[in-house]
C-alpha cells in the first residue's frame, strides 16, 4: 500500500477491454520529508478522488478485488480511500490536501 497524492487524470480512447468504464488517475507517492517523489503511478479510481487529494493506493490482488473484476482485469493498482488525515510521530497532522496540513505549534487554522 502507498499513501499518494492525485496529480492528474489519464484519458485513453483506446484501451484494453477490461478497463472500459474505469477512471484512471495519475498518483505520486507521499513523502514525509516534503520532497516530491519522482515516481508516478496510474491507478484505477474506485472512490471518486480529486486532483490534490491524498489517497490510499493498493496493488495486486487487493486492487483487482477493489476494482471488482477479480483476475479478469489487466490492471493491478487502485485508489481505495481518500485520506481525511494522518498523525505522524513528529507531531504533524497531514490533511486531505496539502492546504489542510498542520505543523506542531501552528496558530493558523487549516483552509
Protein backbone atom coordinates (compact mmCIF):
# COMPACT_ATOMS: atom_id res chain seq x y z
CA UNK A 1 0.00 0.00 0.00
CA UNK A 2 1.01 3.59 -0.57
CA UNK A 3 -0.27 6.96 0.54
CA UNK A 4 -0.29 9.07 -2.62
CA UNK A 5 -1.43 12.44 -3.91
CA UNK A 6 -3.61 12.55 -7.01
CA UNK A 7 -1.83 14.76 -9.54
CA UNK A 8 -3.78 14.18 -12.74
CA UNK A 9 -6.19 12.25 -14.96
CA UNK A 10 -5.44 9.82 -17.77
CA UNK A 11 -7.61 9.97 -20.86
CA UNK A 12 -7.41 6.93 -23.14
CA UNK A 13 -9.80 6.41 -26.03
CA UNK A 14 -8.17 3.09 -26.88
CA UNK A 15 -7.63 0.68 -24.01
CA UNK A 16 -7.84 -2.99 -23.11
CA UNK A 17 -11.50 -4.06 -22.91
CA UNK A 18 -11.44 -4.90 -19.17
CA UNK A 19 -10.55 -1.26 -18.46
CA UNK A 20 -13.66 0.06 -20.19
CA UNK A 21 -15.60 2.43 -17.94
CA UNK A 22 -12.81 2.77 -15.37
CA UNK A 23 -11.42 6.17 -14.36
CA UNK A 24 -7.62 6.29 -14.44
CA UNK A 25 -5.68 8.76 -12.27
CA UNK A 26 -2.02 9.76 -12.05
CA UNK A 27 -0.79 9.48 -8.44
CA UNK A 28 2.52 10.38 -6.78
CA UNK A 29 3.67 8.66 -3.56
CA UNK A 30 3.54 10.89 -0.47
CA UNK A 31 6.88 11.51 1.25
CA UNK A 32 7.15 12.59 4.90
CA UNK A 33 10.20 14.80 4.24
CA UNK A 34 8.19 17.11 1.98
CA UNK A 35 10.19 16.36 -1.15
CA UNK A 36 8.14 15.35 -4.17
CA UNK A 37 8.75 11.80 -5.30
CA UNK A 38 9.93 11.47 -8.89
CA UNK A 39 7.86 8.30 -9.20
CA UNK A 40 4.32 8.41 -10.55
CA UNK A 41 1.79 5.61 -10.98
CA UNK A 42 -1.51 5.15 -12.74
CA UNK A 43 -4.34 3.85 -10.55
CA UNK A 44 -7.98 2.98 -11.14
CA UNK A 45 -10.12 5.36 -9.08
CA UNK A 46 -12.78 3.44 -7.13
CA UNK A 47 -13.72 6.31 -4.75
CA UNK A 48 -14.08 9.43 -6.96
CA UNK A 49 -10.89 11.10 -5.76
CA UNK A 50 -9.98 14.57 -6.96
CA UNK A 51 -6.73 16.18 -8.00
CA UNK A 52 -4.72 17.27 -4.95
CA UNK A 53 -6.34 14.75 -2.58
CA UNK A 54 -4.28 12.26 -0.62
CA UNK A 55 -5.38 8.69 -1.22
CA UNK A 56 -4.63 5.12 -0.20
CA UNK A 57 -3.42 3.05 -3.15
CA UNK A 58 -3.31 -0.76 -3.16
CA UNK A 59 -1.67 -3.16 -5.58
CA UNK A 60 -2.10 -6.70 -6.89
CA UNK A 61 -4.97 -8.88 -5.68
CA UNK A 62 -6.28 -6.17 -3.33
CA UNK A 63 -6.53 -3.75 -6.26
CA UNK A 64 -8.24 -6.24 -8.55
CA UNK A 65 -10.73 -7.02 -5.76
CA UNK A 66 -11.42 -3.30 -5.17
CA UNK A 67 -11.95 -2.70 -8.88
CA UNK A 68 -14.49 -5.54 -8.80
CA UNK A 69 -13.32 -7.65 -11.70
CA UNK A 70 -11.16 -10.21 -9.91
CA UNK A 71 -8.50 -11.80 -12.09
CA UNK A 72 -10.37 -10.74 -15.22
CA UNK A 73 -8.71 -7.33 -15.46
CA UNK A 74 -5.44 -6.11 -16.89
CA UNK A 75 -4.69 -3.72 -14.03
CA UNK A 76 -3.19 -4.08 -10.55
CA UNK A 77 -3.25 -0.64 -8.91
CA UNK A 78 -6.34 1.02 -7.38
CA UNK A 79 -7.29 4.00 -5.24
CA UNK A 80 -9.38 2.59 -2.38
CA UNK A 81 -9.71 5.51 0.09
CA UNK A 82 -9.46 9.27 0.37
CA UNK A 83 -7.36 10.12 3.43
CA UNK A 84 -9.07 12.51 5.88
CA UNK A 85 -5.92 12.97 7.99
CA UNK A 86 -2.77 11.27 9.24
CA UNK A 87 -0.99 11.93 12.54
CA UNK A 88 2.76 11.47 12.24
CA UNK A 89 5.19 10.63 15.04
CA UNK A 90 6.83 14.08 14.80
CA UNK A 91 3.53 15.77 15.73
CA UNK A 92 2.49 16.82 12.24
CA UNK A 93 -1.07 16.27 11.09
CA UNK A 94 -1.28 15.60 7.36
CA UNK A 95 -4.62 16.56 5.87
CA UNK A 96 -6.74 15.53 2.92
CA UNK A 97 -4.80 18.00 0.76
CA UNK A 98 -1.59 19.98 1.30
CA UNK A 99 -3.74 23.02 2.23
CA UNK A 100 -5.03 21.07 5.26
CA UNK A 101 -1.61 20.10 6.70
CA UNK A 102 -0.80 21.29 10.24
CA UNK A 103 2.59 21.54 11.90
CA UNK A 104 3.09 21.43 15.69
CA UNK A 105 2.60 24.85 17.26
CA UNK A 106 0.97 26.39 14.18
CA UNK A 107 -1.50 29.10 15.08
CA UNK A 108 -3.44 29.30 11.83
CA UNK A 109 -6.46 27.16 11.14
CA UNK A 110 -6.48 24.78 8.18
CA UNK A 111 -8.07 26.07 4.98
